[in-house]
C-alpha atoms as a PDB file:
ATOM      1  CA  MET A   1     -14.675   2.326  31.434  1.00  0.00           C
ATOM      2  CA  LYS A   2     -11.060   3.134  29.357  1.00  0.00           C
ATOM      3  CA  LYS A   3     -11.009   2.188  26.126  1.00  0.00           C
ATOM      4  CA  THR A   4      -8.490  -0.483  25.110  1.00  0.00           C
ATOM      5  CA  LEU A   5      -5.581   0.372  22.156  1.00  0.00           C
ATOM      6  CA  THR A   6      -3.876  -1.851  19.932  1.00  0.00           C
ATOM      7  CA  VAL A   7      -0.267  -0.452  18.178  1.00  0.00           C
ATOM      8  CA  ILE A   8       0.856  -2.728  14.867  1.00  0.00           C
ATOM      9  CA  SER A   9       3.531  -2.363  13.133  1.00  0.00           C
ATOM     10  CA  PRO A  10       5.361  -4.229  10.679  1.00  0.00           C
ATOM     11  CA  VAL A  11       8.355  -5.603  10.718  1.00  0.00           C
ATOM     12  CA  TYR A  12      10.996  -7.181   7.763  1.00  0.00           C
ATOM     13  CA  ASN A  13      14.642  -6.969   9.327  1.00  0.00           C
ATOM     14  CA  GLU A  14      15.026  -4.265  11.560  1.00  0.00           C
ATOM     15  CA  GLU A  15      17.141  -5.996  13.962  1.00  0.00           C
ATOM     16  CA  GLU A  16      19.297  -3.137  14.396  1.00  0.00           C
ATOM     17  CA  VAL A  17      16.217  -0.707  15.875  1.00  0.00           C
ATOM     18  CA  ILE A  18      14.096  -2.632  17.272  1.00  0.00           C
ATOM     19  CA  ASP A  19      15.157  -2.592  21.018  1.00  0.00           C
ATOM     20  CA  SER A  20      15.159   1.201  20.402  1.00  0.00           C
ATOM     21  CA  PHE A  21      11.734   1.520  19.097  1.00  0.00           C
ATOM     22  CA  TYR A  22      10.540  -1.336  21.514  1.00  0.00           C
ATOM     23  CA  SER A  23      11.308   1.385  24.195  1.00  0.00           C
ATOM     24  CA  GLU A  24      10.459   4.473  22.752  1.00  0.00           C
ATOM     25  CA  LEU A  25       6.544   3.471  22.310  1.00  0.00           C
ATOM     26  CA  LYS A  26       6.591   1.833  25.721  1.00  0.00           C
ATOM     27  CA  SER A  27       7.357   5.549  27.345  1.00  0.00           C
ATOM     28  CA  VAL A  28       4.439   7.070  25.217  1.00  0.00           C
ATOM     29  CA  LEU A  29       2.211   4.193  26.127  1.00  0.00           C
ATOM     30  CA  ALA A  30       3.094   5.057  29.654  1.00  0.00           C
ATOM     31  CA  GLY A  31       1.578   8.632  29.441  1.00  0.00           C
ATOM     32  CA  LEU A  32      -1.568   6.712  28.772  1.00  0.00           C
ATOM     33  CA  LYS A  33      -2.326   4.247  30.756  1.00  0.00           C
ATOM     34  CA  GLU A  34      -4.672   6.716  32.883  1.00  0.00           C
ATOM     35  CA  ARG A  35      -7.213   6.539  29.439  1.00  0.00           C
ATOM     36  CA  TYR A  36      -6.104   3.758  27.293  1.00  0.00           C
ATOM     37  CA  LEU A  37      -5.499  -0.238  27.618  1.00  0.00           C
ATOM     38  CA  THR A  38      -2.614  -0.325  26.218  1.00  0.00           C
ATOM     39  CA  ASN A  39      -1.205  -3.327  23.922  1.00  0.00           C
ATOM     40  CA  VAL A  40       1.584  -3.943  21.112  1.00  0.00           C
ATOM     41  CA  LEU A  41       1.239  -5.857  18.248  1.00  0.00           C
ATOM     42  CA  PHE A  42       4.421  -6.847  15.771  1.00  0.00           C
ATOM     43  CA  VAL A  43       3.517  -8.471  12.288  1.00  0.00           C
ATOM     44  CA  VAL A  44       6.979 -10.185  11.075  1.00  0.00           C
ATOM     45  CA  ASP A  45       7.659 -10.748   7.798  1.00  0.00           C
ATOM     46  CA  PRO A  46      10.024 -13.412   8.068  1.00  0.00           C
ATOM     47  CA  GLY A  47      13.731 -12.175   7.794  1.00  0.00           C
ATOM     48  CA  THR A  48      17.379 -12.934   7.717  1.00  0.00           C
ATOM     49  CA  ASP A  49      18.375 -10.697   9.997  1.00  0.00           C
ATOM     50  CA  LEU A  50      17.985 -11.381  13.808  1.00  0.00           C
ATOM     51  CA  THR A  51      14.419  -9.611  14.409  1.00  0.00           C
ATOM     52  CA  LEU A  52      11.896 -12.449  15.682  1.00  0.00           C
ATOM     53  CA  GLU A  53      14.804 -13.374  18.002  1.00  0.00           C
ATOM     54  CA  ARG A  54      14.581 -10.316  19.735  1.00  0.00           C
ATOM     55  CA  LEU A  55      10.519  -9.490  19.364  1.00  0.00           C
ATOM     56  CA  ARG A  56      10.574 -12.813  21.409  1.00  0.00           C
ATOM     57  CA  ALA A  57      12.773 -11.037  24.463  1.00  0.00           C
ATOM     58  CA  ILE A  58      10.849  -8.321  24.439  1.00  0.00           C
ATOM     59  CA  ALA A  59       7.476 -10.691  24.302  1.00  0.00           C
ATOM     60  CA  ALA A  60       9.135 -12.867  26.910  1.00  0.00           C
ATOM     61  CA  ALA A  61       9.472  -9.752  29.901  1.00  0.00           C
ATOM     62  CA  ASP A  62       5.982  -8.146  28.584  1.00  0.00           C
ATOM     63  CA  ALA A  63       2.846 -10.189  28.327  1.00  0.00           C
ATOM     64  CA  SER A  64       1.217  -6.470  26.820  1.00  0.00           C
ATOM     65  CA  VAL A  65       3.501  -6.977  23.367  1.00  0.00           C
ATOM     66  CA  GLN A  66       1.903  -9.687  20.797  1.00  0.00           C
ATOM     67  CA  VAL A  67       3.751 -11.326  18.181  1.00  0.00           C
ATOM     68  CA  ILE A  68       2.097 -12.869  14.576  1.00  0.00           C
ATOM     69  CA  VAL A  69       4.883 -14.224  12.736  1.00  0.00           C
ATOM     70  CA  LEU A  70       3.344 -14.918   8.533  1.00  0.00           C
ATOM     71  CA  SER A  71       4.455 -18.109   6.931  1.00  0.00           C
ATOM     72  CA  SER A  72       6.472 -16.219   4.005  1.00  0.00           C
ATOM     73  CA  ARG A  73       7.474 -12.692   2.647  1.00  0.00           C
ATOM     74  CA  PHE A  74       3.433 -10.836   2.620  1.00  0.00           C
ATOM     75  CA  GLY A  75       4.227  -7.431   1.845  1.00  0.00           C
ATOM     76  CA  HIS A  76       3.808  -4.484   4.317  1.00  0.00           C
ATOM     77  CA  GLN A  77       0.242  -4.117   3.297  1.00  0.00           C
ATOM     78  CA  MET A  78      -0.816  -7.658   4.364  1.00  0.00           C
ATOM     79  CA  SER A  79       1.571  -7.167   7.485  1.00  0.00           C
ATOM     80  CA  LEU A  80      -1.131  -4.599   8.284  1.00  0.00           C
ATOM     81  CA  LEU A  81      -4.084  -6.680   7.139  1.00  0.00           C
ATOM     82  CA  ALA A  82      -3.151  -8.931   9.420  1.00  0.00           C
ATOM     83  CA  GLY A  83      -2.614  -6.909  12.576  1.00  0.00           C
ATOM     84  CA  ILE A  84      -6.069  -5.280  11.756  1.00  0.00           C
ATOM     85  CA  ASP A  85      -7.441  -8.577  11.611  1.00  0.00           C
ATOM     86  CA  HIS A  86      -5.761  -9.694  14.848  1.00  0.00           C
ATOM     87  CA  SER A  87      -6.693  -6.881  16.594  1.00  0.00           C
ATOM     88  CA  ASP A  88     -10.337  -6.639  19.077  1.00  0.00           C
ATOM     89  CA  SER A  89      -8.820  -3.040  20.487  1.00  0.00           C
ATOM     90  CA  ASP A  90     -11.339  -0.032  20.207  1.00  0.00           C
ATOM     91  CA  ILE A  91      -8.757   1.900  18.281  1.00  0.00           C
ATOM     92  CA  ILE A  92      -5.867   1.114  16.105  1.00  0.00           C
ATOM     93  CA  VAL A  93      -2.802   2.441  15.492  1.00  0.00           C
ATOM     94  CA  MET A  94      -0.324   1.851  12.317  1.00  0.00           C
ATOM     95  CA  LEU A  95       2.791   2.819  12.204  1.00  0.00           C
ATOM     96  CA  ASP A  96       6.299   1.525  10.768  1.00  0.00           C
ATOM     97  CA  CYS A  97       8.751   0.732  13.415  1.00  0.00           C
ATOM     98  CA  ASP A  98      12.113   2.255  11.834  1.00  0.00           C
ATOM     99  CA  LEU A  99      11.135   5.058  14.067  1.00  0.00           C
ATOM    100  CA  GLN A 100      10.599   7.733  10.664  1.00  0.00           C
ATOM    101  CA  HIS A 101       6.675   6.968  12.044  1.00  0.00           C
ATOM    102  CA  PRO A 102       7.448   9.147  15.412  1.00  0.00           C
ATOM    103  CA  PRO A 103       5.741   7.457  18.266  1.00  0.00           C
ATOM    104  CA  ASP A 104       4.982  10.900  20.304  1.00  0.00           C
ATOM    105  CA  LEU A 105       2.112  11.631  17.063  1.00  0.00           C
ATOM    106  CA  ILE A 106       0.485   9.024  19.010  1.00  0.00           C
ATOM    107  CA  PRO A 107      -1.902  11.445  21.828  1.00  0.00           C
ATOM    108  CA  LYS A 108      -2.362  14.093  19.310  1.00  0.00           C
ATOM    109  CA  MET A 109      -3.610  12.149  16.960  1.00  0.00           C
ATOM    110  CA  LEU A 110      -5.485  10.225  20.246  1.00  0.00           C
ATOM    111  CA  THR A 111      -7.056  13.982  21.258  1.00  0.00           C
ATOM    112  CA  GLU A 112      -8.706  13.519  17.042  1.00  0.00           C
ATOM    113  CA  PHE A 113      -9.918  10.537  17.528  1.00  0.00           C
ATOM    114  CA  GLU A 114     -11.443  12.325  20.902  1.00  0.00           C
ATOM    115  CA  LYS A 115     -13.300  14.438  18.983  1.00  0.00           C
ATOM    116  CA  GLY A 116     -14.847  11.840  16.957  1.00  0.00           C
ATOM    117  CA  TYR A 117     -12.916  11.211  14.217  1.00  0.00           C
ATOM    118  CA  ASP A 118     -12.691   7.841  13.067  1.00  0.00           C
ATOM    119  CA  ILE A 119      -9.621   7.725  10.925  1.00  0.00           C
ATOM    120  CA  VAL A 120      -6.506  10.313  12.038  1.00  0.00           C
ATOM    121  CA  TYR A 121      -3.747   9.962   9.082  1.00  0.00           C
ATOM    122  CA  THR A 122      -0.732  11.780   8.401  1.00  0.00           C
ATOM    123  CA  ILE A 123       0.361  13.797   5.864  1.00  0.00           C
ATOM    124  CA  ARG A 124       4.795  13.552   5.609  1.00  0.00           C
ATOM    125  CA  GLN A 125       7.192  16.363   5.498  1.00  0.00           C
ATOM    126  CA  ASP A 126       9.936  14.412   4.282  1.00  0.00           C
ATOM    127  CA  SER A 127      14.041  14.401   5.702  1.00  0.00           C
ATOM    128  CA  GLU A 128      16.426  15.562   3.361  1.00  0.00           C
ATOM    129  CA  GLU A 129      17.420  12.054   3.563  1.00  0.00           C
ATOM    130  CA  ILE A 130      14.394  11.454   1.112  1.00  0.00           C
ATOM    131  CA  GLY A 131      16.232  11.436  -1.637  1.00  0.00           C
ATOM    132  CA  VAL A 132      15.382  13.697  -4.720  1.00  0.00           C
ATOM    133  CA  PHE A 133      14.391  11.080  -7.314  1.00  0.00           C
ATOM    134  CA  LYS A 134      12.579   8.655  -4.674  1.00  0.00           C
ATOM    135  CA  GLN A 135      10.486  11.866  -3.904  1.00  0.00           C
ATOM    136  CA  ALA A 136      10.099  12.578  -7.831  1.00  0.00           C
ATOM    137  CA  GLY A 137       9.042   9.116  -7.877  1.00  0.00           C
ATOM    138  CA  SER A 138       6.209   8.962  -5.251  1.00  0.00           C
ATOM    139  CA  LYS A 139       4.477  13.027  -6.658  1.00  0.00           C
ATOM    140  CA  LEU A 140       4.027  11.859 -10.113  1.00  0.00           C
ATOM    141  CA  PHE A 141       2.389   8.206  -9.165  1.00  0.00           C
ATOM    142  CA  TYR A 142       0.603  10.337  -6.875  1.00  0.00           C
ATOM    143  CA  LYS A 143       0.181  12.878  -9.553  1.00  0.00           C
ATOM    144  CA  ILE A 144      -1.297  10.381 -12.149  1.00  0.00           C
ATOM    145  CA  ILE A 145      -3.293   8.678  -9.738  1.00  0.00           C
ATOM    146  CA  ASN A 146      -5.440  11.423  -8.828  1.00  0.00           C
ATOM    147  CA  LYS A 147      -6.147  12.280 -12.050  1.00  0.00           C
ATOM    148  CA  ILE A 148      -7.613   8.928 -13.707  1.00  0.00           C
ATOM    149  CA  SER A 149      -9.274   7.869  -9.726  1.00  0.00           C
ATOM    150  CA  GLN A 150     -12.285   9.325  -8.943  1.00  0.00           C
ATOM    151  CA  ILE A 151     -10.806   8.185  -4.730  1.00  0.00           C
ATOM    152  CA  PRO A 152      -8.343  11.190  -3.921  1.00  0.00           C
ATOM    153  CA  ILE A 153      -5.251  10.298  -2.434  1.00  0.00           C
ATOM    154  CA  ASN A 154      -2.753  12.508  -0.598  1.00  0.00           C
ATOM    155  CA  GLU A 155       0.300  12.626  -2.174  1.00  0.00           C
ATOM    156  CA  SER A 156       1.824  12.469   1.099  1.00  0.00           C
ATOM    157  CA  ALA A 157      -0.379  10.830   3.446  1.00  0.00           C
ATOM    158  CA  ALA A 158       1.299   7.920   5.202  1.00  0.00           C
ATOM    159  CA  ASP A 159       0.593   4.017   6.829  1.00  0.00           C
ATOM    160  CA  PHE A 160       1.154   5.345   9.773  1.00  0.00           C
ATOM    161  CA  ARG A 161      -2.491   5.904  11.085  1.00  0.00           C
ATOM    162  CA  LEU A 162      -5.566   5.720  13.568  1.00  0.00           C
ATOM    163  CA  ILE A 163      -8.189   4.424  12.758  1.00  0.00           C
ATOM    164  CA  SER A 164     -11.731   2.888  15.294  1.00  0.00           C
ATOM    165  CA  ARG A 165     -13.173  -0.278  15.605  1.00  0.00           C
ATOM    166  CA  ARG A 166     -16.183   0.577  13.398  1.00  0.00           C
ATOM    167  CA  VAL A 167     -13.134   0.863  10.462  1.00  0.00           C
ATOM    168  CA  ALA A 168     -11.532  -1.843  11.381  1.00  0.00           C
ATOM    169  CA  ASP A 169     -15.242  -3.853  11.263  1.00  0.00           C
ATOM    170  CA  VAL A 170     -15.497  -3.292   7.731  1.00  0.00           C
ATOM    171  CA  PHE A 171     -11.388  -4.138   6.826  1.00  0.00           C
ATOM    172  CA  ARG A 172     -11.908  -7.416   8.552  1.00  0.00           C
ATOM    173  CA  ASN A 173     -15.530  -8.402   6.800  1.00  0.00           C
ATOM    174  CA  GLN A 174     -16.289  -6.421   4.453  1.00  0.00           C
ATOM    175  CA  ILE A 175     -13.087  -5.486   2.229  1.00  0.00           C
ATOM    176  CA  ARG A 176     -11.376  -8.618   1.446  1.00  0.00           C
ATOM    177  CA  GLU A 177     -10.150  -7.962  -2.495  1.00  0.00           C
ATOM    178  CA  ARG A 178      -6.023  -9.027  -2.957  1.00  0.00           C
ATOM    179  CA  ASN A 179      -3.099  -6.983  -3.659  1.00  0.00           C
ATOM    180  CA  GLN A 180      -4.571  -3.891  -1.924  1.00  0.00           C
ATOM    181  CA  PHE A 181      -3.627  -0.504  -1.412  1.00  0.00           C
ATOM    182  CA  LEU A 182      -4.851   0.627   1.585  1.00  0.00           C
ATOM    183  CA  ARG A 183      -3.663   4.069   1.453  1.00  0.00           C
ATOM    184  CA  GLY A 184      -6.444   4.953  -1.419  1.00  0.00           C
ATOM    185  CA  LEU A 185      -8.862   2.390   0.905  1.00  0.00           C
ATOM    186  CA  PHE A 186      -8.452   3.980   3.891  1.00  0.00           C
ATOM    187  CA  SER A 187      -9.437   7.116   1.710  1.00  0.00           C
ATOM    188  CA  TRP A 188     -12.444   5.169  -0.385  1.00  0.00           C
ATOM    189  CA  VAL A 189     -14.431   3.934   3.284  1.00  0.00           C
ATOM    190  CA  GLY A 190     -15.136   7.179   3.902  1.00  0.00           C
ATOM    191  CA  PHE A 191     -15.890   7.925   7.659  1.00  0.00           C
ATOM    192  CA  LYS A 192     -14.901  10.889   9.552  1.00  0.00           C
ATOM    193  CA  ASN A 193     -11.358  11.682   8.919  1.00  0.00           C
ATOM    194  CA  LYS A 194      -8.547  14.284   9.943  1.00  0.00           C
ATOM    195  CA  GLY A 195      -5.045  14.649   8.646  1.00  0.00           C
ATOM    196  CA  ILE A 196      -2.124  15.730  10.931  1.00  0.00           C
ATOM    197  CA  TYR A 197       1.408  16.916  10.021  1.00  0.00           C
ATOM    198  CA  PHE A 198       4.538  15.016  10.982  1.00  0.00           C
ATOM    199  CA  ARG A 199       8.386  15.415   9.526  1.00  0.00           C
ATOM    200  CA  VAL A 200      10.021  12.635   9.107  1.00  0.00           C
ATOM    201  CA  ARG A 201      12.443  11.306  10.816  1.00  0.00           C
ATOM    202  CA  LYS A 202      16.261  10.201   9.870  1.00  0.00           C
ATOM    203  CA  ARG A 203      16.474   6.777   9.872  1.00  0.00           C
ATOM    204  CA  GLU A 204      18.510   5.429  13.187  1.00  0.00           C
ATOM    205  CA  ALA A 205      19.372   1.735  11.503  1.00  0.00           C
ATOM    206  CA  GLY A 206      19.365  -0.172   8.921  1.00  0.00           C
ATOM    207  CA  VAL A 207      18.381   0.841   5.292  1.00  0.00           C
ATOM    208  CA  SER A 208      14.287   1.444   3.741  1.00  0.00           C
ATOM    209  CA  LYS A 209      13.007  -1.609   2.380  1.00  0.00           C
ATOM    210  CA  TYR A 210      11.450  -0.671  -0.326  1.00  0.00           C
ATOM    211  CA  THR A 211      13.257  -0.833  -2.928  1.00  0.00           C
ATOM    212  CA  PHE A 212      12.159   0.433  -6.789  1.00  0.00           C
ATOM    213  CA  ARG A 213      10.690  -2.712  -7.426  1.00  0.00           C
ATOM    214  CA  ARG A 214       8.818  -2.664  -4.765  1.00  0.00           C
ATOM    215  CA  MET A 215       8.098   0.389  -5.278  1.00  0.00           C
ATOM    216  CA  ILE A 216       6.825  -0.150  -8.831  1.00  0.00           C
ATOM    217  CA  THR A 217       4.248  -2.940  -7.804  1.00  0.00           C
ATOM    218  CA  PHE A 218       3.355  -1.309  -5.515  1.00  0.00           C
ATOM    219  CA  GLY A 219       2.202   1.816  -7.586  1.00  0.00           C
ATOM    220  CA  VAL A 220       0.688  -0.894 -10.063  1.00  0.00           C
ATOM    221  CA  HIS A 221      -1.439  -2.028  -7.334  1.00  0.00           C
ATOM    222  CA  GLY A 222      -2.969   1.597  -6.712  1.00  0.00           C
ATOM    223  CA  ILE A 223      -3.270   2.502 -10.207  1.00  0.00           C
ATOM    224  CA  LEU A 224      -5.273  -1.294 -10.454  1.00  0.00           C
ATOM    225  CA  SER A 225      -6.642  -1.114  -7.803  1.00  0.00           C
ATOM    226  CA  PHE A 226      -8.608   3.030  -7.971  1.00  0.00           C
ATOM    227  CA  SER A 227      -9.110   3.211 -11.595  1.00  0.00           C
ATOM    228  CA  LYS A 228     -10.261   1.789 -15.230  1.00  0.00           C
ATOM    229  CA  ARG A 229      -9.009   4.858 -17.044  1.00  0.00           C
ATOM    230  CA  PRO A 230      -6.019   2.572 -18.587  1.00  0.00           C
ATOM    231  CA  LEU A 231      -8.375   0.127 -20.046  1.00  0.00           C
ATOM    232  CA  GLN A 232     -10.588   3.402 -21.372  1.00  0.00           C
ATOM    233  CA  ALA A 233      -7.975   4.912 -22.528  1.00  0.00           C
ATOM    234  CA  ALA A 234      -6.337   1.845 -24.711  1.00  0.00           C
ATOM    235  CA  VAL A 235     -10.049   1.689 -26.479  1.00  0.00           C
ATOM    236  CA  PHE A 236      -9.487   5.729 -27.191  1.00  0.00           C
ATOM    237  CA  VAL A 237      -5.605   5.306 -28.149  1.00  0.00           C
ATOM    238  CA  GLY A 238      -6.287   2.356 -30.477  1.00  0.00           C
ATOM    239  CA  MET A 239      -9.645   4.058 -32.346  1.00  0.00           C
ATOM    240  CA  GLY A 240      -6.710   7.230 -33.216  1.00  0.00           C
ATOM    241  CA  PHE A 241      -4.527   5.184 -34.398  1.00  0.00           C
ATOM    242  CA  ALA A 242      -7.393   2.857 -36.363  1.00  0.00           C
ATOM    243  CA  GLY A 243      -7.608   6.206 -37.946  1.00  0.00           C
ATOM    244  CA  LEU A 244      -4.235   7.223 -38.876  1.00  0.00           C
ATOM    245  CA  GLY A 245      -3.438   4.153 -40.303  1.00  0.00           C
ATOM    246  CA  PHE A 246      -7.267   3.963 -42.535  1.00  0.00           C
ATOM    247  CA  VAL A 247      -5.863   7.750 -43.799  1.00  0.00           C
ATOM    248  CA  PHE A 248      -2.323   5.841 -44.585  1.00  0.00           C
ATOM    249  CA  THR A 249      -3.724   2.793 -46.576  1.00  0.00           C
ATOM    250  CA  LEU A 250      -6.267   5.694 -48.849  1.00  0.00           C
ATOM    251  CA  ILE A 251      -2.714   7.639 -49.561  1.00  0.00           C
ATOM    252  CA  ILE A 252      -0.620   5.002 -50.513  1.00  0.00           C
ATOM    253  CA  VAL A 253      -3.758   3.565 -52.551  1.00  0.00           C
ATOM    254  CA  VAL A 254      -3.863   6.304 -54.389  1.00  0.00           C
ATOM    255  CA  GLN A 255      -0.074   6.617 -55.069  1.00  0.00           C
ATOM    256  CA  TYR A 256      -0.372   3.200 -56.207  1.00  0.00           C
ATOM    257  CA  PHE A 257      -2.763   4.228 -59.011  1.00  0.00           C
ATOM    258  CA  LEU A 258      -1.179   7.480 -59.579  1.00  0.00           C
ATOM    259  CA  TYR A 259       2.432   6.097 -60.060  1.00  0.00           C
ATOM    260  CA  SER A 260       3.867   3.305 -62.148  1.00  0.00           C
ATOM    261  CA  HIS A 261       5.535   1.921 -59.424  1.00  0.00           C
ATOM    262  CA  PHE A 262       5.790   2.251 -55.442  1.00  0.00           C
ATOM    263  CA  PRO A 263       7.134   5.589 -54.315  1.00  0.00           C
ATOM    264  CA  PRO A 264      10.022   6.009 -51.702  1.00  0.00           C
ATOM    265  CA  GLY A 265       8.898   5.525 -47.915  1.00  0.00           C
ATOM    266  CA  TRP A 266       8.469   2.189 -46.919  1.00  0.00           C
ATOM    267  CA  ALA A 267      10.793   2.815 -44.170  1.00  0.00           C
ATOM    268  CA  THR A 268       8.573   5.214 -42.942  1.00  0.00           C
ATOM    269  CA  LEU A 269       5.948   2.397 -43.128  1.00  0.00           C
ATOM    270  CA  ALA A 270       8.503  -0.191 -41.053  1.00  0.00           C
ATOM    271  CA  VAL A 271       8.132   2.638 -38.603  1.00  0.00           C
ATOM    272  CA  LEU A 272       4.507   3.275 -38.456  1.00  0.00           C
ATOM    273  CA  VAL A 273       3.789  -0.694 -38.231  1.00  0.00           C
ATOM    274  CA  SER A 274       6.944  -0.543 -35.461  1.00  0.00           C
ATOM    275  CA  VAL A 275       4.756   2.375 -33.594  1.00  0.00           C
ATOM    276  CA  PHE A 276       1.410   0.784 -33.721  1.00  0.00           C
ATOM    277  CA  SER A 277       3.255  -2.940 -33.060  1.00  0.00           C
ATOM    278  CA  GLY A 278       4.305  -1.515 -29.934  1.00  0.00           C
ATOM    279  CA  ILE A 279       1.524   0.425 -29.052  1.00  0.00           C
ATOM    280  CA  GLN A 280      -0.814  -2.722 -29.134  1.00  0.00           C
ATOM    281  CA  LEU A 281       1.493  -4.626 -26.722  1.00  0.00           C
ATOM    282  CA  ILE A 282       2.024  -1.606 -24.129  1.00  0.00           C
ATOM    283  CA  PHE A 283      -2.173  -1.698 -23.934  1.00  0.00           C
ATOM    284  CA  MET A 284      -1.744  -5.341 -24.450  1.00  0.00           C
ATOM    285  CA  GLY A 285       0.118  -5.073 -21.238  1.00  0.00           C
ATOM    286  CA  ILE A 286      -2.194  -3.048 -19.124  1.00  0.00           C
ATOM    287  CA  ILE A 287      -5.452  -5.701 -20.212  1.00  0.00           C
ATOM    288  CA  GLY A 288      -2.841  -8.318 -19.036  1.00  0.00           C
ATOM    289  CA  GLU A 289      -2.442  -6.534 -15.388  1.00  0.00           C
ATOM    290  CA  TYR A 290      -6.478  -5.830 -14.891  1.00  0.00           C
ATOM    291  CA  VAL A 291      -6.957  -9.356 -16.294  1.00  0.00           C
ATOM    292  CA  GLY A 292      -4.112 -11.257 -13.625  1.00  0.00           C
ATOM    293  CA  ALA A 293      -5.630  -8.782 -10.705  1.00  0.00           C
ATOM    294  CA  ILE A 294      -9.005 -10.739 -11.275  1.00  0.00           C
ATOM    295  CA  PHE A 295      -7.346 -14.704 -11.508  1.00  0.00           C
ATOM    296  CA  ASP A 296      -6.141 -13.535  -7.817  1.00  0.00           C
ATOM    297  CA  GLU A 297      -9.057 -12.444  -6.707  1.00  0.00           C
ATOM    298  CA  VAL A 298     -10.398 -15.716  -8.106  1.00  0.00           C
ATOM    299  CA  LYS A 299      -8.157 -18.255  -6.725  1.00  0.00           C
ATOM    300  CA  GLY A 300      -9.441 -16.938  -3.400  1.00  0.00           C
ATOM    301  CA  ARG A 301      -6.050 -17.664  -2.377  1.00  0.00           C
ATOM    302  CA  PRO A 302      -5.844 -16.510   1.730  1.00  0.00           C
ATOM    303  CA  HIS A 303      -4.436 -12.634   1.629  1.00  0.00           C
ATOM    304  CA  TYR A 304      -1.714 -14.000   4.723  1.00  0.00           C
ATOM    305  CA  ILE A 305      -0.430 -17.012   6.179  1.00  0.00           C
ATOM    306  CA  VAL A 306       0.035 -16.938  10.061  1.00  0.00           C
ATOM    307  CA  ALA A 307       2.940 -19.556  11.044  1.00  0.00           C
ATOM    308  CA  GLU A 308       3.161 -18.688  14.733  1.00  0.00           C
ATOM    309  CA  LYS A 309       1.772 -16.569  17.245  1.00  0.00           C
ATOM    310  CA  ILE A 310       3.653 -15.043  20.513  1.00  0.00           C
ATOM    311  CA  ASN A 311       1.497 -14.125  23.671  1.00  0.00           C
ATOM    312  CA  ALA A 312      -1.727 -14.083  21.186  1.00  0.00           C
ATOM    313  CA  SER A 313      -2.817 -17.759  21.747  1.00  0.00           C
ATOM    314  CA  GLY A 314      -6.394 -16.233  21.678  1.00  0.00           C
ATOM    315  CA  MET A 315      -6.040 -13.803  18.806  1.00  0.00           C
ATOM    316  CA  GLU A 316      -8.228 -14.708  16.095  1.00  0.00           C
ATOM    317  CA  GLY A 317      -8.086 -13.495  12.414  1.00  0.00           C
ATOM    318  CA  ALA A 318      -9.241 -13.528   9.062  1.00  0.00           C
ATOM    319  CA  GLU A 319      -5.828 -15.518   6.955  1.00  0.00           C
ATOM    320  CA  SER A 320      -8.413 -18.225   5.139  1.00  0.00           C
ATOM    321  CA  LYS A 321     -11.361 -15.806   4.906  1.00  0.00           C
ATOM    322  CA  PRO A 322     -12.915 -15.966   2.104  1.00  0.00           C
ATOM    323  CA  SER A 323     -14.085 -12.618   0.088  1.00  0.00           C
ATOM    324  CA  GLU A 324     -17.364 -12.794  -0.161  1.00  0.00           C
ATOM    325  CA  SER A 325     -18.501 -13.462  -3.767  1.00  0.00           C
END
């Protein structure tokens, strides 16, 4: 009996490239029809261009193409989660639709799956199009998170991966936290996994949707999800500066009794107070981020809301499923 395969692709403002992506992907899937029953699931974060209209036309001509439209922009990671929730296939492949993730790598990923791997992840080899600043920022982020987290995450890992049904079931039924950092979670869940390399293509059209602000948010979610060490650091740094403050206080008291007037140096004191206050505010901010993450979990809002389904009326999702308490 043929295994079923769903290809999930999150979409946001990709009008210029969506037709080319669909054509190339369908060509690859056509070569797999002897072994797999395939379908494509586009998850649309509402944008400002005509991407959704293009997908309506594609789905009208091809019943194997399914589209779910989210009610608002919930982000790339939640779009992938929505795709997992709405798929019931033996195999799921996730890739972006900007053609920087090459669809022709899918057969190689399936070969590894057939060898018994539940997760086949891809490792980026960046093209010259990737800016020096972005590459440096990415390397710095992964160096930090691998230092402070007990879960190793490959710094060049991409959101282009294959997962088996049993891995997908874990995310559908057990991992329901908010602000998910999927690259870390797929490392955390374990299972037999293997990485394969791919060369990032140049964009055929459009621009990257990962702005600097979104990169920062993505990084913060990753750190909050996989490490408590920033909180522990706040304790030790606070103790260190408290000790220095105590020593400085003793020096001031001794000088007060040895001299008839206060010695010069109040500018130094002002600087130290400013430094201590700055350190306190930084760590209060770190604590605030963790409290905010707890607040998101406690509210229990859905991870995403589906506004419309195309060719997918029978699909069931978990967008309103509460987290297990």
